[in-house]
Amino acid sequence: MGLMGRRSLPTGCGLWMPGENSIHMLFMRFAIDVVFVARPPEGNGGPRRVVAARSAVPPWRGIVWPVLGAYGVLELPAGSIAATGTQVGDEIVLETAG
C-alpha cells in the first residue's frame, strides 16, 4: 500500500520498504523522493549503500523501474535528497523514530 491514499509525508519522515527494488506512483497524491539501497554488508544491519536516487517523482507517473542491486526503497518527502546531499555510493543507516 505504501503512501497511497495519504495527502502528504511530513518533513523528517519516510517509508522504508525492505526487499523492494521498484515502486509505482499510481494513486499517489504528491511527489516524493526515492532512494534505492543495497543489502547491508553484514546482512542484518549496518549501513546500506545508495544504488540510485530519484528526486521529486511525480504522482501518477506509473512504474519507477527496478534498480539493479537494490534491496530496499526509502520513500521521502520531495526535496529530501537535495536537502541532505544524498548521492549514489553514499552509505545510510536506517533507524526507527523513537
N, C-alpha and C. Protein backbone atom coordinates (compact mmCIF):
# COMPACT_ATOMS: atom_id res chain seq x y z
N MET A 1 0.83 -1.19 0.00
CA MET A 1 0.00 0.00 0.00
C MET A 1 0.87 1.26 0.00
N GLY A 2 1.99 1.21 0.70
CA GLY A 2 2.90 2.35 0.70
C GLY A 2 2.24 3.63 1.17
N LEU A 3 2.45 4.69 0.40
CA LEU A 3 1.91 6.01 0.76
C LEU A 3 0.62 6.33 0.03
N MET A 4 0.09 5.37 -0.73
CA MET A 4 -1.16 5.62 -1.45
C MET A 4 -2.26 6.00 -0.47
N GLY A 5 -3.04 6.98 -0.84
CA GLY A 5 -4.15 7.42 -0.01
C GLY A 5 -3.80 8.53 0.96
N ARG A 6 -2.51 8.70 1.25
CA ARG A 6 -2.10 9.80 2.13
C ARG A 6 -2.10 11.10 1.35
N ARG A 7 -2.26 12.20 2.06
CA ARG A 7 -2.26 13.52 1.43
C ARG A 7 -0.87 14.14 1.40
N SER A 8 0.03 13.69 2.29
CA SER A 8 1.38 14.23 2.34
C SER A 8 2.26 13.32 3.19
N LEU A 9 3.54 13.66 3.21
CA LEU A 9 4.51 12.99 4.05
C LEU A 9 5.29 14.08 4.76
N PRO A 10 5.19 14.16 6.09
CA PRO A 10 5.84 15.25 6.81
C PRO A 10 7.36 15.25 6.66
N THR A 11 7.96 16.42 6.68
CA THR A 11 9.41 16.57 6.65
C THR A 11 10.01 15.76 7.80
N GLY A 12 11.09 15.06 7.52
CA GLY A 12 11.75 14.26 8.54
C GLY A 12 11.22 12.84 8.65
N CYS A 13 10.16 12.54 7.91
CA CYS A 13 9.57 11.19 7.94
C CYS A 13 9.89 10.47 6.63
N GLY A 14 9.70 9.17 6.64
CA GLY A 14 9.91 8.39 5.44
C GLY A 14 9.24 7.04 5.58
N LEU A 15 9.16 6.33 4.49
CA LEU A 15 8.59 4.98 4.49
C LEU A 15 9.66 4.03 3.96
N TRP A 16 10.03 3.04 4.77
CA TRP A 16 11.03 2.04 4.41
C TRP A 16 10.33 0.79 3.91
N MET A 17 10.72 0.34 2.72
CA MET A 17 10.16 -0.88 2.14
C MET A 17 11.31 -1.85 1.86
N PRO A 18 11.60 -2.73 2.81
CA PRO A 18 12.72 -3.67 2.64
C PRO A 18 12.44 -4.68 1.54
N GLY A 19 13.50 -5.10 0.88
CA GLY A 19 13.39 -6.14 -0.13
C GLY A 19 12.86 -5.70 -1.48
N GLU A 20 12.52 -4.43 -1.63
CA GLU A 20 11.96 -3.92 -2.89
C GLU A 20 13.06 -3.30 -3.76
N ASN A 21 12.82 -3.31 -5.08
CA ASN A 21 13.76 -2.65 -5.99
C ASN A 21 13.06 -1.78 -7.02
N SER A 22 11.73 -1.58 -6.86
CA SER A 22 10.98 -0.69 -7.73
C SER A 22 9.72 -0.25 -6.97
N ILE A 23 9.09 0.80 -7.49
CA ILE A 23 7.83 1.28 -6.91
C ILE A 23 6.92 1.72 -8.04
N HIS A 24 5.69 2.06 -7.71
CA HIS A 24 4.82 2.72 -8.67
C HIS A 24 4.20 3.93 -7.99
N MET A 25 3.77 4.88 -8.79
CA MET A 25 3.21 6.13 -8.27
C MET A 25 1.71 6.24 -8.56
N LEU A 26 1.09 5.15 -8.97
CA LEU A 26 -0.35 5.17 -9.22
C LEU A 26 -1.10 5.45 -7.93
N PHE A 27 -2.12 6.25 -7.99
CA PHE A 27 -2.97 6.62 -6.86
C PHE A 27 -2.27 7.50 -5.82
N MET A 28 -1.06 7.97 -6.14
CA MET A 28 -0.36 8.88 -5.23
C MET A 28 -0.90 10.30 -5.44
N ARG A 29 -0.88 11.08 -4.38
CA ARG A 29 -1.41 12.46 -4.43
C ARG A 29 -0.32 13.52 -4.43
N PHE A 30 0.94 13.11 -4.25
CA PHE A 30 2.02 14.09 -4.12
C PHE A 30 3.33 13.47 -4.60
N ALA A 31 4.27 14.33 -4.96
CA ALA A 31 5.59 13.88 -5.40
C ALA A 31 6.42 13.45 -4.20
N ILE A 32 7.34 12.52 -4.43
CA ILE A 32 8.25 12.05 -3.38
C ILE A 32 9.65 11.89 -3.95
N ASP A 33 10.64 11.86 -3.06
CA ASP A 33 11.99 11.44 -3.40
C ASP A 33 12.09 9.96 -3.08
N VAL A 34 12.87 9.24 -3.88
CA VAL A 34 13.00 7.79 -3.70
C VAL A 34 14.48 7.42 -3.69
N VAL A 35 14.90 6.72 -2.64
CA VAL A 35 16.28 6.27 -2.52
C VAL A 35 16.28 4.74 -2.52
N PHE A 36 17.03 4.17 -3.44
CA PHE A 36 17.17 2.72 -3.56
C PHE A 36 18.50 2.32 -2.93
N VAL A 37 18.46 1.32 -2.05
CA VAL A 37 19.67 0.92 -1.34
C VAL A 37 19.94 -0.56 -1.49
N ALA A 38 21.22 -0.92 -1.34
CA ALA A 38 21.65 -2.31 -1.42
C ALA A 38 21.45 -3.00 -0.08
N ARG A 39 21.67 -4.30 -0.06
CA ARG A 39 21.67 -5.05 1.20
C ARG A 39 22.82 -4.52 2.05
N PRO A 40 22.65 -4.55 3.38
CA PRO A 40 23.79 -4.18 4.22
C PRO A 40 24.87 -5.26 4.13
N PRO A 41 26.14 -4.89 4.22
CA PRO A 41 27.22 -5.89 4.10
C PRO A 41 27.11 -7.02 5.11
N GLU A 42 26.66 -6.73 6.32
CA GLU A 42 26.57 -7.75 7.36
C GLU A 42 25.31 -8.59 7.22
N GLY A 43 24.36 -8.18 6.41
CA GLY A 43 23.15 -8.94 6.20
C GLY A 43 21.96 -8.51 7.05
N ASN A 44 22.17 -8.07 8.28
CA ASN A 44 21.04 -7.73 9.15
C ASN A 44 21.06 -6.32 9.70
N GLY A 45 21.98 -5.55 9.41
CA GLY A 45 22.05 -4.20 9.96
C GLY A 45 23.24 -3.47 9.40
N GLY A 46 23.51 -2.34 9.95
CA GLY A 46 24.64 -1.56 9.46
C GLY A 46 24.26 -0.70 8.29
N PRO A 47 25.25 -0.02 7.74
CA PRO A 47 24.97 0.91 6.65
C PRO A 47 24.59 0.20 5.35
N ARG A 48 23.76 0.87 4.59
CA ARG A 48 23.37 0.38 3.26
C ARG A 48 23.84 1.39 2.23
N ARG A 49 24.38 0.91 1.14
CA ARG A 49 24.89 1.77 0.08
C ARG A 49 23.75 2.22 -0.83
N VAL A 50 23.70 3.51 -1.13
CA VAL A 50 22.71 4.06 -2.06
C VAL A 50 23.11 3.63 -3.47
N VAL A 51 22.20 2.95 -4.18
CA VAL A 51 22.48 2.50 -5.54
C VAL A 51 21.76 3.34 -6.59
N ALA A 52 20.73 4.10 -6.17
CA ALA A 52 20.03 5.01 -7.09
C ALA A 52 19.20 5.97 -6.25
N ALA A 53 18.97 7.15 -6.81
CA ALA A 53 18.13 8.15 -6.14
C ALA A 53 17.32 8.87 -7.21
N ARG A 54 16.04 9.04 -6.95
CA ARG A 54 15.14 9.74 -7.87
C ARG A 54 14.49 10.89 -7.11
N SER A 55 14.66 12.09 -7.60
CA SER A 55 14.12 13.28 -6.93
C SER A 55 12.77 13.68 -7.50
N ALA A 56 11.88 14.09 -6.61
CA ALA A 56 10.57 14.65 -6.97
C ALA A 56 9.84 13.82 -8.02
N VAL A 57 9.69 12.53 -7.74
CA VAL A 57 8.95 11.65 -8.65
C VAL A 57 7.48 12.07 -8.57
N PRO A 58 6.90 12.46 -9.70
CA PRO A 58 5.53 12.99 -9.66
C PRO A 58 4.46 11.92 -9.45
N PRO A 59 3.34 12.31 -8.86
CA PRO A 59 2.24 11.36 -8.70
C PRO A 59 1.71 10.92 -10.06
N TRP A 60 1.15 9.74 -10.10
CA TRP A 60 0.56 9.16 -11.31
C TRP A 60 1.57 8.92 -12.42
N ARG A 61 2.84 8.87 -12.09
CA ARG A 61 3.87 8.65 -13.11
C ARG A 61 3.84 7.23 -13.64
N GLY A 62 3.37 6.31 -12.85
CA GLY A 62 3.39 4.91 -13.23
C GLY A 62 4.51 4.21 -12.49
N ILE A 63 5.19 3.30 -13.17
CA ILE A 63 6.23 2.49 -12.54
C ILE A 63 7.56 3.22 -12.55
N VAL A 64 8.26 3.18 -11.42
CA VAL A 64 9.67 3.53 -11.37
C VAL A 64 10.38 2.18 -11.49
N TRP A 65 11.02 1.96 -12.62
CA TRP A 65 11.52 0.64 -12.99
C TRP A 65 12.51 0.09 -11.98
N PRO A 66 12.64 -1.24 -11.94
CA PRO A 66 13.56 -1.89 -11.00
C PRO A 66 14.99 -1.37 -11.15
N VAL A 67 15.65 -1.28 -10.01
CA VAL A 67 17.04 -0.81 -9.95
C VAL A 67 17.92 -2.01 -9.61
N LEU A 68 18.87 -2.30 -10.49
CA LEU A 68 19.79 -3.40 -10.30
C LEU A 68 20.60 -3.19 -9.02
N GLY A 69 20.62 -4.19 -8.16
CA GLY A 69 21.39 -4.13 -6.93
C GLY A 69 20.63 -3.56 -5.74
N ALA A 70 19.41 -3.07 -5.98
CA ALA A 70 18.62 -2.52 -4.88
C ALA A 70 17.95 -3.64 -4.11
N TYR A 71 17.92 -3.48 -2.79
CA TYR A 71 17.23 -4.43 -1.93
C TYR A 71 16.53 -3.67 -0.81
N GLY A 72 15.88 -2.60 -1.21
CA GLY A 72 15.13 -1.77 -0.28
C GLY A 72 14.92 -0.40 -0.88
N VAL A 73 13.78 0.19 -0.57
CA VAL A 73 13.41 1.50 -1.09
C VAL A 73 12.99 2.38 0.08
N LEU A 74 13.50 3.59 0.08
CA LEU A 74 13.14 4.58 1.08
C LEU A 74 12.40 5.71 0.38
N GLU A 75 11.12 5.90 0.73
CA GLU A 75 10.32 6.99 0.17
C GLU A 75 10.36 8.16 1.14
N LEU A 76 10.69 9.33 0.63
CA LEU A 76 10.90 10.52 1.44
C LEU A 76 10.14 11.71 0.87
N PRO A 77 9.91 12.75 1.69
CA PRO A 77 9.28 13.96 1.15
C PRO A 77 10.13 14.54 0.01
N ALA A 78 9.47 15.06 -1.01
CA ALA A 78 10.19 15.69 -2.13
C ALA A 78 11.11 16.76 -1.57
N GLY A 79 12.33 16.80 -2.08
CA GLY A 79 13.33 17.77 -1.63
C GLY A 79 14.32 17.19 -0.63
N SER A 80 14.04 16.01 -0.10
CA SER A 80 14.92 15.40 0.91
C SER A 80 16.29 15.04 0.34
N ILE A 81 16.34 14.55 -0.88
CA ILE A 81 17.62 14.16 -1.49
C ILE A 81 18.51 15.40 -1.63
N ALA A 82 17.95 16.47 -2.15
CA ALA A 82 18.73 17.70 -2.32
C ALA A 82 19.14 18.29 -0.96
N ALA A 83 18.22 18.28 0.00
CA ALA A 83 18.49 18.87 1.31
C ALA A 83 19.61 18.14 2.05
N THR A 84 19.73 16.84 1.83
CA THR A 84 20.74 16.05 2.52
C THR A 84 21.98 15.80 1.67
N GLY A 85 21.93 16.15 0.39
CA GLY A 85 23.06 15.92 -0.50
C GLY A 85 23.30 14.45 -0.79
N THR A 86 22.26 13.64 -0.67
CA THR A 86 22.39 12.19 -0.89
C THR A 86 22.77 11.90 -2.33
N GLN A 87 23.77 11.01 -2.50
CA GLN A 87 24.26 10.64 -3.83
C GLN A 87 24.47 9.13 -3.89
N VAL A 88 24.48 8.60 -5.10
CA VAL A 88 24.80 7.19 -5.31
C VAL A 88 26.19 6.94 -4.72
N GLY A 89 26.31 5.85 -3.98
CA GLY A 89 27.56 5.49 -3.34
C GLY A 89 27.61 5.86 -1.86
N ASP A 90 26.75 6.80 -1.44
CA ASP A 90 26.67 7.15 -0.02
C ASP A 90 26.21 5.93 0.77
N GLU A 91 26.53 5.91 2.04
CA GLU A 91 26.02 4.87 2.92
C GLU A 91 25.06 5.50 3.91
N ILE A 92 23.92 4.84 4.12
CA ILE A 92 22.94 5.35 5.07
C ILE A 92 22.64 4.26 6.11
N VAL A 93 22.24 4.71 7.29
CA VAL A 93 21.81 3.82 8.34
C VAL A 93 20.36 4.14 8.64
N LEU A 94 19.53 3.13 8.66
CA LEU A 94 18.10 3.31 8.91
C LEU A 94 17.82 3.10 10.39
N GLU A 95 17.10 4.03 10.98
CA GLU A 95 16.72 3.93 12.39
C GLU A 95 15.23 4.22 12.51
N THR A 96 14.56 3.55 13.42
CA THR A 96 13.16 3.83 13.66
C THR A 96 13.03 5.08 14.51
N ALA A 97 11.95 5.80 14.29
CA ALA A 97 11.69 7.00 15.09
C ALA A 97 11.41 6.57 16.52
N GLY A 98 11.89 7.38 17.45
CA GLY A 98 11.71 6.98 18.84
C GLY A 98 11.02 8.01 19.67
